[in-house]
C-alpha atoms as a PDB file:
ATOM      1  CA  MET A   1       0.035   0.055  -0.011  1.00  0.00           C
ATOM      2  CA  ALA A   2       2.334   2.714   1.248  1.00  0.00           C
ATOM      3  CA  ASN A   3       5.699   2.674  -0.404  1.00  0.00           C
ATOM      4  CA  HIS A   4       7.823   5.492   0.936  1.00  0.00           C
ATOM      5  CA  LYS A   5      10.698   5.413  -1.515  1.00  0.00           C
ATOM      6  CA  THR A   6      13.328   8.027  -2.045  1.00  0.00           C
ATOM      7  CA  HIS A   7      14.372   6.315  -5.298  1.00  0.00           C
ATOM      8  CA  ILE A   8      11.950   4.632  -7.711  1.00  0.00           C
ATOM      9  CA  THR A   9      13.166   1.168  -8.453  1.00  0.00           C
ATOM     10  CA  ARG A  10      12.452  -1.120 -11.394  1.00  0.00           C
ATOM     11  CA  GLU A  11      10.464  -3.415  -9.050  1.00  0.00           C
ATOM     12  CA  HIS A  12       8.350  -0.489  -7.838  1.00  0.00           C
ATOM     13  CA  LEU A  13       7.567   0.612 -11.367  1.00  0.00           C
ATOM     14  CA  HIS A  14       6.512  -3.035 -12.202  1.00  0.00           C
ATOM     15  CA  TYR A  15       4.299  -2.904  -9.115  1.00  0.00           C
ATOM     16  CA  LEU A  16       2.651   0.355 -10.279  1.00  0.00           C
ATOM     17  CA  LEU A  17       2.064  -1.075 -13.760  1.00  0.00           C
ATOM     18  CA  THR A  18       0.713  -4.351 -12.263  1.00  0.00           C
ATOM     19  CA  GLU A  19      -1.772  -2.516 -10.057  1.00  0.00           C
ATOM     20  CA  MET A  20      -3.049  -0.364 -13.034  1.00  0.00           C
ATOM     21  CA  ILE A  21      -3.473  -3.494 -15.127  1.00  0.00           C
ATOM     22  CA  ARG A  22      -5.382  -5.263 -12.324  1.00  0.00           C
ATOM     23  CA  ILE A  23      -7.777  -2.366 -12.160  1.00  0.00           C
ATOM     24  CA  ARG A  24      -8.187  -2.080 -15.969  1.00  0.00           C
ATOM     25  CA  ARG A  25      -8.852  -5.866 -16.306  1.00  0.00           C
ATOM     26  CA  PHE A  26     -11.260  -5.775 -13.347  1.00  0.00           C
ATOM     27  CA  GLU A  27     -13.236  -3.009 -14.913  1.00  0.00           C
ATOM     28  CA  GLU A  28     -13.377  -4.757 -18.278  1.00  0.00           C
ATOM     29  CA  ALA A  29     -14.618  -7.934 -16.480  1.00  0.00           C
ATOM     30  CA  CYS A  30     -17.355  -5.800 -14.992  1.00  0.00           C
ATOM     31  CA  VAL A  31     -18.543  -4.875 -18.408  1.00  0.00           C
ATOM     32  CA  GLY A  32     -19.151  -8.506 -19.344  1.00  0.00           C
ATOM     33  CA  LEU A  33     -20.707  -9.287 -16.041  1.00  0.00           C
ATOM     34  CA  TYR A  34     -23.041  -6.370 -16.377  1.00  0.00           C
ATOM     35  CA  ASN A  35     -24.051  -7.354 -19.879  1.00  0.00           C
ATOM     36  CA  GLU A  36     -24.773 -10.873 -18.469  1.00  0.00           C
ATOM     37  CA  GLN A  37     -26.943  -9.126 -15.902  1.00  0.00           C
ATOM     38  CA  LYS A  38     -24.936 -10.505 -13.018  1.00  0.00           C
ATOM     39  CA  ILE A  39     -24.218  -6.873 -12.028  1.00  0.00           C
ATOM     40  CA  ARG A  40     -27.374  -4.706 -11.923  1.00  0.00           C
ATOM     41  CA  GLY A  41     -28.098  -1.096 -11.197  1.00  0.00           C
ATOM     42  CA  PHE A  42     -25.549   1.658 -11.897  1.00  0.00           C
ATOM     43  CA  LEU A  43     -21.959   0.945 -12.900  1.00  0.00           C
ATOM     44  CA  HIS A  44     -19.347   3.629 -13.371  1.00  0.00           C
ATOM     45  CA  LEU A  45     -15.971   2.457 -14.747  1.00  0.00           C
ATOM     46  CA  TYR A  46     -12.510   3.846 -14.006  1.00  0.00           C
ATOM     47  CA  ASN A  47     -10.778   3.066 -17.283  1.00  0.00           C
ATOM     48  CA  GLY A  48      -8.120   5.648 -18.055  1.00  0.00           C
ATOM     49  CA  GLU A  49      -7.898   7.088 -14.521  1.00  0.00           C
ATOM     50  CA  GLU A  50      -5.981   4.309 -12.897  1.00  0.00           C
ATOM     51  CA  ALA A  51      -2.730   6.349 -12.402  1.00  0.00           C
ATOM     52  CA  ILE A  52      -4.402   8.591  -9.839  1.00  0.00           C
ATOM     53  CA  SER A  53      -5.714   5.951  -7.357  1.00  0.00           C
ATOM     54  CA  VAL A  54      -2.557   3.843  -7.717  1.00  0.00           C
ATOM     55  CA  GLY A  55      -0.199   6.821  -7.420  1.00  0.00           C
ATOM     56  CA  VAL A  56      -1.868   8.496  -4.521  1.00  0.00           C
ATOM     57  CA  MET A  57      -2.282   5.306  -2.539  1.00  0.00           C
ATOM     58  CA  GLN A  58       1.511   4.907  -2.406  1.00  0.00           C
ATOM     59  CA  ALA A  59       1.735   7.904  -0.090  1.00  0.00           C
ATOM     60  CA  LEU A  60      -0.921   6.755   2.391  1.00  0.00           C
ATOM     61  CA  THR A  61      -0.483   4.607   5.457  1.00  0.00           C
ATOM     62  CA  GLU A  62      -2.906   1.969   6.836  1.00  0.00           C
ATOM     63  CA  GLN A  63      -4.052   4.509   9.495  1.00  0.00           C
ATOM     64  CA  ASP A  64      -5.070   7.093   6.947  1.00  0.00           C
ATOM     65  CA  SER A  65      -8.684   7.432   5.784  1.00  0.00           C
ATOM     66  CA  ILE A  66      -9.922   7.363   2.200  1.00  0.00           C
ATOM     67  CA  LEU A  67     -13.163   8.629   0.736  1.00  0.00           C
ATOM     68  CA  ALA A  68     -14.086   8.379  -2.989  1.00  0.00           C
ATOM     69  CA  THR A  69     -16.790   8.852  -5.512  1.00  0.00           C
ATOM     70  CA  TYR A  70     -19.198   6.421  -7.121  1.00  0.00           C
ATOM     71  CA  ARG A  71     -16.419   5.617  -9.609  1.00  0.00           C
ATOM     72  CA  GLU A  72     -14.466   3.965  -6.945  1.00  0.00           C
ATOM     73  CA  HIS A  73     -13.570   0.415  -7.897  1.00  0.00           C
ATOM     74  CA  GLY A  74     -10.016   1.460  -8.710  1.00  0.00           C
ATOM     75  CA  HIS A  75      -9.550   3.216  -5.341  1.00  0.00           C
ATOM     76  CA  ALA A  76     -10.830   0.216  -3.479  1.00  0.00           C
ATOM     77  CA  LEU A  77      -8.528  -2.202  -5.368  1.00  0.00           C
ATOM     78  CA  ALA A  78      -5.522   0.132  -4.865  1.00  0.00           C
ATOM     79  CA  ARG A  79      -6.363   0.382  -1.144  1.00  0.00           C
ATOM     80  CA  GLY A  80      -6.217  -3.353  -0.848  1.00  0.00           C
ATOM     81  CA  LEU A  81      -9.794  -4.512  -0.764  1.00  0.00           C
ATOM     82  CA  SER A  82     -10.017  -7.982  -2.289  1.00  0.00           C
ATOM     83  CA  MET A  83     -11.527  -8.555  -5.690  1.00  0.00           C
ATOM     84  CA  THR A  84     -13.780 -11.232  -4.196  1.00  0.00           C
ATOM     85  CA  SER A  85     -15.333  -8.761  -1.758  1.00  0.00           C
ATOM     86  CA  LEU A  86     -15.878  -6.257  -4.499  1.00  0.00           C
ATOM     87  CA  PHE A  87     -17.503  -8.681  -6.976  1.00  0.00           C
ATOM     88  CA  ALA A  88     -19.677 -10.125  -4.094  1.00  0.00           C
ATOM     89  CA  GLU A  89     -20.839  -6.624  -3.306  1.00  0.00           C
ATOM     90  CA  MET A  90     -21.791  -6.044  -6.885  1.00  0.00           C
ATOM     91  CA  PHE A  91     -23.591  -9.406  -7.020  1.00  0.00           C
ATOM     92  CA  ALA A  92     -25.468  -8.357  -3.801  1.00  0.00           C
ATOM     93  CA  LYS A  93     -23.958 -11.226  -1.830  1.00  0.00           C
ATOM     94  CA  MET A  94     -23.529 -11.140   1.957  1.00  0.00           C
ATOM     95  CA  GLU A  95     -19.773 -11.700   1.566  1.00  0.00           C
ATOM     96  CA  GLY A  96     -19.553  -8.250  -0.225  1.00  0.00           C
ATOM     97  CA  CYS A  97     -17.526  -5.488   1.491  1.00  0.00           C
ATOM     98  CA  SER A  98     -20.818  -3.715   2.288  1.00  0.00           C
ATOM     99  CA  GLY A  99     -22.686  -6.893   3.055  1.00  0.00           C
ATOM    100  CA  GLY A 100     -24.251  -6.858  -0.469  1.00  0.00           C
ATOM    101  CA  ARG A 101     -26.301  -3.754   0.355  1.00  0.00           C
ATOM    102  CA  GLY A 102     -24.161  -1.092  -1.271  1.00  0.00           C
ATOM    103  CA  GLY A 103     -23.472  -2.277  -4.783  1.00  0.00           C
ATOM    104  CA  SER A 104     -21.026  -0.675  -7.160  1.00  0.00           C
ATOM    105  CA  MET A 105     -21.429   2.892  -5.794  1.00  0.00           C
ATOM    106  CA  HIS A 106     -21.117   2.179  -2.111  1.00  0.00           C
ATOM    107  CA  LEU A 107     -18.017   0.111  -1.448  1.00  0.00           C
ATOM    108  CA  PHE A 108     -16.888   0.301   2.157  1.00  0.00           C
ATOM    109  CA  ASP A 109     -14.348  -1.410   4.345  1.00  0.00           C
ATOM    110  CA  LYS A 110     -13.836  -0.179   7.945  1.00  0.00           C
ATOM    111  CA  GLN A 111     -10.689  -2.350   8.456  1.00  0.00           C
ATOM    112  CA  LYS A 112      -9.105  -0.685   5.385  1.00  0.00           C
ATOM    113  CA  ARG A 113     -10.399   2.679   6.542  1.00  0.00           C
ATOM    114  CA  PHE A 114     -12.089   2.935   3.169  1.00  0.00           C
ATOM    115  CA  TYR A 115     -15.205   4.986   3.847  1.00  0.00           C
ATOM    116  CA  GLY A 116     -16.976   4.807   0.497  1.00  0.00           C
ATOM    117  CA  GLY A 117     -18.070   4.973  -2.339  1.00  0.00           C
ATOM    118  CA  ASN A 118     -20.484   7.936  -2.251  1.00  0.00           C
ATOM    119  CA  ALA A 119     -23.301   8.268  -4.758  1.00  0.00           C
ATOM    120  CA  ILE A 120     -23.899  11.937  -4.060  1.00  0.00           C
ATOM    121  CA  VAL A 121     -21.728  14.302  -6.071  1.00  0.00           C
ATOM    122  CA  ALA A 122     -19.359  16.124  -3.604  1.00  0.00           C
ATOM    123  CA  GLY A 123     -20.987  14.071  -0.792  1.00  0.00           C
ATOM    124  CA  ALA A 124     -17.620  12.802   0.396  1.00  0.00           C
ATOM    125  CA  LEU A 125     -16.106  16.294   0.932  1.00  0.00           C
ATOM    126  CA  PRO A 126     -17.925  17.158   4.217  1.00  0.00           C
ATOM    127  CA  LEU A 127     -17.313  13.597   5.512  1.00  0.00           C
ATOM    128  CA  ALA A 128     -13.587  14.146   4.852  1.00  0.00           C
ATOM    129  CA  VAL A 129     -13.697  17.365   6.873  1.00  0.00           C
ATOM    130  CA  GLY A 130     -15.297  15.454   9.790  1.00  0.00           C
ATOM    131  CA  LEU A 131     -12.801  12.622   9.739  1.00  0.00           C
ATOM    132  CA  ALA A 132      -9.821  14.966   9.563  1.00  0.00           C
ATOM    133  CA  LEU A 133     -11.239  17.147  12.318  1.00  0.00           C
ATOM    134  CA  ALA A 134     -11.529  14.021  14.517  1.00  0.00           C
ATOM    135  CA  ASP A 135      -7.890  13.112  13.795  1.00  0.00           C
ATOM    136  CA  LYS A 136      -6.698  16.581  14.643  1.00  0.00           C
ATOM    137  CA  GLN A 137      -8.735  16.794  17.846  1.00  0.00           C
ATOM    138  CA  GLN A 138      -7.296  13.412  18.950  1.00  0.00           C
ATOM    139  CA  ASN A 139      -3.724  14.355  17.992  1.00  0.00           C
ATOM    140  CA  ARG A 140      -3.407  11.545  15.437  1.00  0.00           C
ATOM    141  CA  ASN A 141      -0.865  12.243  12.745  1.00  0.00           C
ATOM    142  CA  ASN A 142      -3.161  10.760  10.028  1.00  0.00           C
ATOM    143  CA  VAL A 143      -4.150  12.052   6.598  1.00  0.00           C
ATOM    144  CA  THR A 144      -7.678  11.956   5.191  1.00  0.00           C
ATOM    145  CA  CYS A 145      -7.615  11.574   1.472  1.00  0.00           C
ATOM    146  CA  CYS A 146     -10.713  12.581  -0.445  1.00  0.00           C
ATOM    147  CA  PHE A 147     -11.131  11.836  -4.195  1.00  0.00           C
ATOM    148  CA  PHE A 148     -13.747  13.682  -6.225  1.00  0.00           C
ATOM    149  CA  GLY A 149     -14.440  14.676  -9.843  1.00  0.00           C
ATOM    150  CA  GLU A 150     -14.389  18.202 -11.284  1.00  0.00           C
ATOM    151  CA  GLY A 151     -18.224  18.094 -11.356  1.00  0.00           C
ATOM    152  CA  ALA A 152     -18.160  18.373  -7.504  1.00  0.00           C
ATOM    153  CA  VAL A 153     -16.568  21.807  -7.810  1.00  0.00           C
ATOM    154  CA  ALA A 154     -19.912  23.158  -8.885  1.00  0.00           C
ATOM    155  CA  GLU A 155     -21.566  22.070  -5.593  1.00  0.00           C
ATOM    156  CA  GLY A 156     -21.771  24.107  -2.388  1.00  0.00           C
ATOM    157  CA  GLU A 157     -20.160  21.393  -0.345  1.00  0.00           C
ATOM    158  CA  PHE A 158     -16.964  21.876  -2.226  1.00  0.00           C
ATOM    159  CA  HIS A 159     -16.555  25.530  -1.179  1.00  0.00           C
ATOM    160  CA  GLU A 160     -17.796  24.924   2.312  1.00  0.00           C
ATOM    161  CA  SER A 161     -15.269  22.060   2.752  1.00  0.00           C
ATOM    162  CA  MET A 162     -12.368  23.993   1.281  1.00  0.00           C
ATOM    163  CA  ASN A 163     -13.118  26.912   3.646  1.00  0.00           C
ATOM    164  CA  LEU A 164     -13.366  24.817   6.829  1.00  0.00           C
ATOM    165  CA  ALA A 165     -10.298  22.631   5.929  1.00  0.00           C
ATOM    166  CA  LYS A 166      -8.169  25.807   5.690  1.00  0.00           C
ATOM    167  CA  LEU A 167      -9.838  27.718   8.468  1.00  0.00           C
ATOM    168  CA  TRP A 168      -9.108  24.732  10.870  1.00  0.00           C
ATOM    169  CA  GLN A 169      -5.874  23.655   9.191  1.00  0.00           C
ATOM    170  CA  LEU A 170      -7.140  20.109   8.761  1.00  0.00           C
ATOM    171  CA  PRO A 171      -4.930  17.265   7.572  1.00  0.00           C
ATOM    172  CA  ILE A 172      -6.712  16.542   4.288  1.00  0.00           C
ATOM    173  CA  LEU A 173      -5.377  15.647   0.894  1.00  0.00           C
ATOM    174  CA  PHE A 174      -8.004  16.717  -1.657  1.00  0.00           C
ATOM    175  CA  VAL A 175      -7.579  14.900  -5.015  1.00  0.00           C
ATOM    176  CA  CYS A 176      -9.645  16.212  -7.893  1.00  0.00           C
ATOM    177  CA  GLU A 177      -9.854  13.670 -10.682  1.00  0.00           C
ATOM    178  CA  ASN A 178     -10.590  16.117 -13.509  1.00  0.00           C
ATOM    179  CA  ASN A 179     -11.707  13.964 -16.449  1.00  0.00           C
ATOM    180  CA  LEU A 180     -13.125  16.988 -18.222  1.00  0.00           C
ATOM    181  CA  TYR A 181     -16.757  15.814 -18.252  1.00  0.00           C
ATOM    182  CA  ALA A 182     -19.286  15.978 -15.471  1.00  0.00           C
ATOM    183  CA  MET A 183     -21.566  13.209 -16.756  1.00  0.00           C
ATOM    184  CA  GLY A 184     -22.159  14.581 -20.263  1.00  0.00           C
ATOM    185  CA  THR A 185     -21.308  18.242 -19.612  1.00  0.00           C
ATOM    186  CA  ALA A 186     -17.843  19.452 -20.856  1.00  0.00           C
ATOM    187  CA  LEU A 187     -15.821  21.428 -18.366  1.00  0.00           C
ATOM    188  CA  ALA A 188     -15.474  24.213 -20.974  1.00  0.00           C
ATOM    189  CA  ILE A 189     -19.235  24.923 -20.836  1.00  0.00           C
ATOM    190  CA  GLU A 190     -19.663  24.329 -17.134  1.00  0.00           C
ATOM    191  CA  GLU A 191     -16.982  26.413 -15.444  1.00  0.00           C
ATOM    192  CA  SER A 192     -15.940  29.914 -16.242  1.00  0.00           C
ATOM    193  CA  ASN A 193     -12.525  29.201 -14.613  1.00  0.00           C
ATOM    194  CA  GLN A 194     -11.411  25.818 -15.795  1.00  0.00           C
ATOM    195  CA  GLN A 195      -8.228  25.795 -13.777  1.00  0.00           C
ATOM    196  CA  ILE A 196      -9.752  23.844 -10.861  1.00  0.00           C
ATOM    197  CA  PHE A 197      -6.774  24.028  -8.587  1.00  0.00           C
ATOM    198  CA  THR A 198      -6.956  27.791  -8.484  1.00  0.00           C
ATOM    199  CA  LYS A 199     -10.379  27.496  -6.790  1.00  0.00           C
ATOM    200  CA  ALA A 200      -8.771  25.732  -3.883  1.00  0.00           C
ATOM    201  CA  ALA A 201      -5.911  28.128  -3.918  1.00  0.00           C
ATOM    202  CA  SER A 202      -8.349  30.997  -3.451  1.00  0.00           C
ATOM    203  CA  TYR A 203      -9.054  29.637  -0.009  1.00  0.00           C
ATOM    204  CA  GLY A 204      -5.430  29.636   0.875  1.00  0.00           C
ATOM    205  CA  ILE A 205      -4.888  25.966   0.274  1.00  0.00           C
ATOM    206  CA  ALA A 206      -1.585  24.776  -1.302  1.00  0.00           C
ATOM    207  CA  ALA A 207      -2.762  23.494  -4.682  1.00  0.00           C
ATOM    208  CA  GLN A 208      -1.299  22.288  -7.936  1.00  0.00           C
ATOM    209  CA  GLN A 209      -2.242  20.766 -11.258  1.00  0.00           C
ATOM    210  CA  LEU A 210      -0.474  17.678 -12.673  1.00  0.00           C
ATOM    211  CA  ASP A 211      -0.712  15.038 -15.336  1.00  0.00           C
ATOM    212  CA  GLY A 212      -3.114  12.482 -13.942  1.00  0.00           C
ATOM    213  CA  MET A 213      -2.113  10.026 -16.659  1.00  0.00           C
ATOM    214  CA  ASN A 214       1.444   9.746 -15.326  1.00  0.00           C
ATOM    215  CA  VAL A 215       1.507   7.494 -12.231  1.00  0.00           C
ATOM    216  CA  VAL A 216       5.070   8.477 -11.354  1.00  0.00           C
ATOM    217  CA  ASP A 217       4.164  12.170 -11.284  1.00  0.00           C
ATOM    218  CA  VAL A 218       1.035  11.446  -9.231  1.00  0.00           C
ATOM    219  CA  GLU A 219       2.915   9.398  -6.683  1.00  0.00           C
ATOM    220  CA  ALA A 220       5.684  12.015  -6.391  1.00  0.00           C
ATOM    221  CA  ALA A 221       3.236  14.840  -5.860  1.00  0.00           C
ATOM    222  CA  SER A 222       1.234  12.757  -3.344  1.00  0.00           C
ATOM    223  CA  HIS A 223       4.276  11.979  -1.223  1.00  0.00           C
ATOM    224  CA  LEU A 224       5.198  15.687  -0.998  1.00  0.00           C
ATOM    225  CA  ALA A 225       1.646  16.675  -0.233  1.00  0.00           C
ATOM    226  CA  CYS A 226       1.251  14.046   2.564  1.00  0.00           C
ATOM    227  CA  GLN A 227       4.588  14.932   4.036  1.00  0.00           C
ATOM    228  CA  ALA A 228       3.533  18.592   4.164  1.00  0.00           C
ATOM    229  CA  ILE A 229       0.212  17.603   5.786  1.00  0.00           C
ATOM    230  CA  ARG A 230       1.942  15.403   8.417  1.00  0.00           C
ATOM    231  CA  ASN A 231       4.349  18.269   9.101  1.00  0.00           C
ATOM    232  CA  GLY A 232       1.354  20.609  10.033  1.00  0.00           C
ATOM    233  CA  ALA A 233       1.013  22.515   6.776  1.00  0.00           C
ATOM    234  CA  GLY A 234      -2.707  21.997   6.653  1.00  0.00           C
ATOM    235  CA  PRO A 235      -4.679  20.789   3.663  1.00  0.00           C
ATOM    236  CA  GLN A 236      -3.205  20.192   0.267  1.00  0.00           C
ATOM    237  CA  PHE A 237      -4.928  19.992  -3.174  1.00  0.00           C
ATOM    238  CA  LEU A 238      -4.003  18.058  -6.288  1.00  0.00           C
ATOM    239  CA  GLU A 239      -5.848  18.493  -9.510  1.00  0.00           C
ATOM    240  CA  CYS A 240      -5.062  15.522 -11.628  1.00  0.00           C
ATOM    241  CA  ARG A 241      -5.907  16.042 -15.268  1.00  0.00           C
ATOM    242  CA  THR A 242      -7.228  12.706 -16.668  1.00  0.00           C
ATOM    243  CA  TYR A 243      -9.737  11.213 -18.989  1.00  0.00           C
ATOM    244  CA  ARG A 244     -12.267   8.277 -18.764  1.00  0.00           C
ATOM    245  CA  PHE A 245     -12.127   6.012 -21.742  1.00  0.00           C
ATOM    246  CA  ARG A 246     -15.749   4.762 -21.289  1.00  0.00           C
ATOM    247  CA  GLY A 247     -18.914   6.619 -20.744  1.00  0.00           C
ATOM    248  CA  HIS A 248     -20.081   8.179 -17.537  1.00  0.00           C
ATOM    249  CA  SER A 249     -21.947   4.978 -16.712  1.00  0.00           C
ATOM    250  CA  MET A 250     -23.053   1.868 -18.606  1.00  0.00           C
ATOM    251  CA  PHE A 251     -26.112   3.775 -19.658  1.00  0.00           C
ATOM    252  CA  ASP A 252     -24.116   6.473 -21.464  1.00  0.00           C
ATOM    253  CA  SER A 253     -24.187   6.506 -25.283  1.00  0.00           C
ATOM    254  CA  GLN A 254     -21.451   9.170 -25.331  1.00  0.00           C
ATOM    255  CA  GLN A 255     -23.028  11.424 -27.932  1.00  0.00           C
ATOM    256  CA  TYR A 256     -21.457  14.474 -26.369  1.00  0.00           C
ATOM    257  CA  ARG A 257     -17.842  13.754 -27.351  1.00  0.00           C
ATOM    258  CA  ASP A 258     -15.937  12.961 -30.424  1.00  0.00           C
ATOM    259  CA  LYS A 259     -14.484   9.449 -30.983  1.00  0.00           C
ATOM    260  CA  ASP A 260     -11.238  10.944 -32.175  1.00  0.00           C
ATOM    261  CA  GLU A 261     -10.859  12.790 -28.892  1.00  0.00           C
ATOM    262  CA  ILE A 262     -11.207   9.482 -26.994  1.00  0.00           C
ATOM    263  CA  LYS A 263      -8.600   7.780 -29.225  1.00  0.00           C
ATOM    264  CA  SER A 264      -6.169  10.682 -28.747  1.00  0.00           C
ATOM    265  CA  TRP A 265      -6.466  10.312 -24.978  1.00  0.00           C
ATOM    266  CA  GLN A 266      -6.136   6.493 -25.130  1.00  0.00           C
ATOM    267  CA  LYS A 267      -2.742   6.868 -26.837  1.00  0.00           C
ATOM    268  CA  LYS A 268      -1.449   8.616 -23.717  1.00  0.00           C
ATOM    269  CA  GLY A 269      -3.234   6.494 -21.204  1.00  0.00           C
ATOM    270  CA  PRO A 270      -1.488   5.618 -17.950  1.00  0.00           C
ATOM    271  CA  ILE A 271      -0.846   2.000 -18.761  1.00  0.00           C
ATOM    272  CA  VAL A 272       0.369   2.856 -22.232  1.00  0.00           C
ATOM    273  CA  GLN A 273       2.660   5.593 -20.880  1.00  0.00           C
ATOM    274  CA  LEU A 274       4.380   3.520 -18.211  1.00  0.00           C
ATOM    275  CA  GLY A 275       4.392   0.297 -20.282  1.00  0.00           C
ATOM    276  CA  HIS A 276       6.110   2.051 -23.201  1.00  0.00           C
ATOM    277  CA  TRP A 277       8.604   3.785 -21.007  1.00  0.00           C
ATOM    278  CA  LEU A 278       9.590   0.526 -19.337  1.00  0.00           C
ATOM    279  CA  GLN A 279       9.997  -1.220 -22.670  1.00  0.00           C
ATOM    280  CA  ASP A 280      11.880   1.661 -24.236  1.00  0.00           C
ATOM    281  CA  ASN A 281      14.293   1.597 -21.362  1.00  0.00           C
ATOM    282  CA  HIS A 282      14.625  -2.187 -21.362  1.00  0.00           C
ATOM    283  CA  GLN A 283      13.028  -2.590 -17.995  1.00  0.00           C
ATOM    284  CA  ILE A 284      10.282  -4.908 -19.132  1.00  0.00           C
ATOM    285  CA  ASP A 285       9.351  -6.765 -22.321  1.00  0.00           C
ATOM    286  CA  ALA A 286       6.117  -7.555 -24.003  1.00  0.00           C
ATOM    287  CA  ALA A 287       6.075 -11.146 -22.672  1.00  0.00           C
ATOM    288  CA  GLN A 288       6.337  -9.865 -19.111  1.00  0.00           C
ATOM    289  CA  ILE A 289       3.377  -7.490 -19.674  1.00  0.00           C
ATOM    290  CA  GLU A 290       1.275 -10.294 -21.060  1.00  0.00           C
ATOM    291  CA  GLN A 291       2.158 -12.353 -17.992  1.00  0.00           C
ATOM    292  CA  ILE A 292       0.917  -9.587 -15.732  1.00  0.00           C
ATOM    293  CA  GLU A 293      -2.337  -9.523 -17.727  1.00  0.00           C
ATOM    294  CA  ARG A 294      -2.743 -13.282 -17.472  1.00  0.00           C
ATOM    295  CA  GLU A 295      -2.185 -13.278 -13.656  1.00  0.00           C
ATOM    296  CA  ALA A 296      -4.775 -10.507 -13.356  1.00  0.00           C
ATOM    297  CA  ASP A 297      -7.222 -12.488 -15.388  1.00  0.00           C
ATOM    298  CA  LYS A 298      -6.667 -15.548 -13.198  1.00  0.00           C
ATOM    299  CA  GLU A 299      -7.224 -13.517 -10.089  1.00  0.00           C
ATOM    300  CA  ILE A 300     -10.464 -12.103 -11.588  1.00  0.00           C
ATOM    301  CA  GLU A 301     -11.777 -15.546 -12.635  1.00  0.00           C
ATOM    302  CA  ALA A 302     -11.212 -16.931  -9.137  1.00  0.00           C
ATOM    303  CA  ALA A 303     -12.796 -13.859  -7.531  1.00  0.00           C
ATOM    304  CA  VAL A 304     -15.875 -13.993  -9.677  1.00  0.00           C
ATOM    305  CA  ASN A 305     -16.408 -17.727  -9.098  1.00  0.00           C
ATOM    306  CA  ALA A 306     -16.009 -17.251  -5.276  1.00  0.00           C
ATOM    307  CA  ALA A 307     -18.359 -14.246  -5.309  1.00  0.00           C
ATOM    308  CA  LEU A 308     -20.962 -15.993  -7.325  1.00  0.00           C
ATOM    309  CA  ALA A 309     -20.949 -18.823  -4.740  1.00  0.00           C
ATOM    310  CA  GLY A 310     -21.744 -16.398  -1.986  1.00  0.00           C
ATOM    311  CA  ARG A 311     -24.922 -16.160   0.059  1.00  0.00           C
ATOM    312  CA  ASP A 312     -27.984 -14.124  -0.720  1.00  0.00           C
ATOM    313  CA  GLU A 313     -29.351 -12.211   2.259  1.00  0.00           C
ATOM    314  CA  PRO A 314     -32.457 -13.828   3.665  1.00  0.00           C
ATOM    315  CA  VAL A 315     -35.714 -11.897   3.020  1.00  0.00           C
ATOM    316  CA  GLY A 316     -36.301 -11.826   6.782  1.00  0.00           C
ATOM    317  CA  ASP A 317     -33.158  -9.707   7.245  1.00  0.00           C
ATOM    318  CA  LEU A 318     -34.223  -6.919   4.915  1.00  0.00           C
ATOM    319  CA  PHE A 319     -35.165  -4.600   7.813  1.00  0.00           C
ATOM    320  CA  LYS A 320     -31.719  -4.934   9.336  1.00  0.00           C
ATOM    321  CA  HIS A 321     -29.761  -1.759   9.441  1.00  0.00           C
ATOM    322  CA  VAL A 322     -32.875   0.186   8.376  1.00  0.00           C
ATOM    323  CA  TYR A 323     -34.444   0.938  11.721  1.00  0.00           C
ATOM    324  CA  ALA A 324     -32.667   1.482  15.035  1.00  0.00           C
ATOM    325  CA  GLN A 325     -33.179  -1.310  17.544  1.00  0.00           C
ATOM    326  CA  GLU A 326     -35.179  -0.421  20.540  1.00  0.00           C
ATOM    327  CA  VAL A 327     -33.073   0.030  23.649  1.00  0.00           C
ATOM    328  CA  ASN A 328     -34.394  -1.250  27.005  1.00  0.00           C
ATOM    329  CA  HIS A 329     -33.468   1.376  29.648  1.00  0.00           C
ATOM    330  CA  ASP A 330     -34.816  -0.601  32.569  1.00  0.00           C
END
């Protein structure tokens, strides 16, 4: 999970590539399972954005807290949640990380301090403020990392959270995954100021923009930001410019963007970037990459089979966790 390295090694770069490939193959497997109706409801895929979750997670410790959006499969996998628990959750099985009650958009794991998966746009931001405030009040040197899309910037919670985070000097790493489209609305026709990081900077927060398709850049910036937070510098903000290769969700026909635009971004995707660099510098070969892909596919197949064999929740339990249990005060 956390790899505090002063020098990036060949082995570490292989690890980063492997993690991104695992996420990509997982998401592609979800497409097939969705088409087979084994996964139902909403499904938002992370294809193209893998460098952000994988890069940021290298700077976090097991004690740090993570909050994400409804496009959070990649964050969950990078945090260390098992594939079996994620598939089981999407199959509505009791072995799922949220007991089969959350589905794709509400992945949760208390042990991993992974607090969602939030279906409400910008909904994780105030939660991050609360978690970070608790850490500060209890003198814990932890970081709360909050991932969100650029669409969240249009919500009031964004501005309220930025203000309080800086006002109270909270230990939060804000990570904006700017994929240029809030559902089907292009950033250029949504925001008069399209430099998202400057909005955070206007609250006095240390903020920067970086290439969200370069996992090494993301990791380096995350390490520096987390180090600053742990040293008492207050909240830090990273705007990671990225692009989703698939639609907003499985229901998206993508009529709002040009196919050539998608292809141009795919050519500089995070897996392509790192894979080509490693090959060009004789640090990996095509056969090794294919082996990583095969291992990921084997892991996915085993996880799907285990998840499908999971238990359905009994009908009699459907009111569990809905109403508070009566407390006998006698």
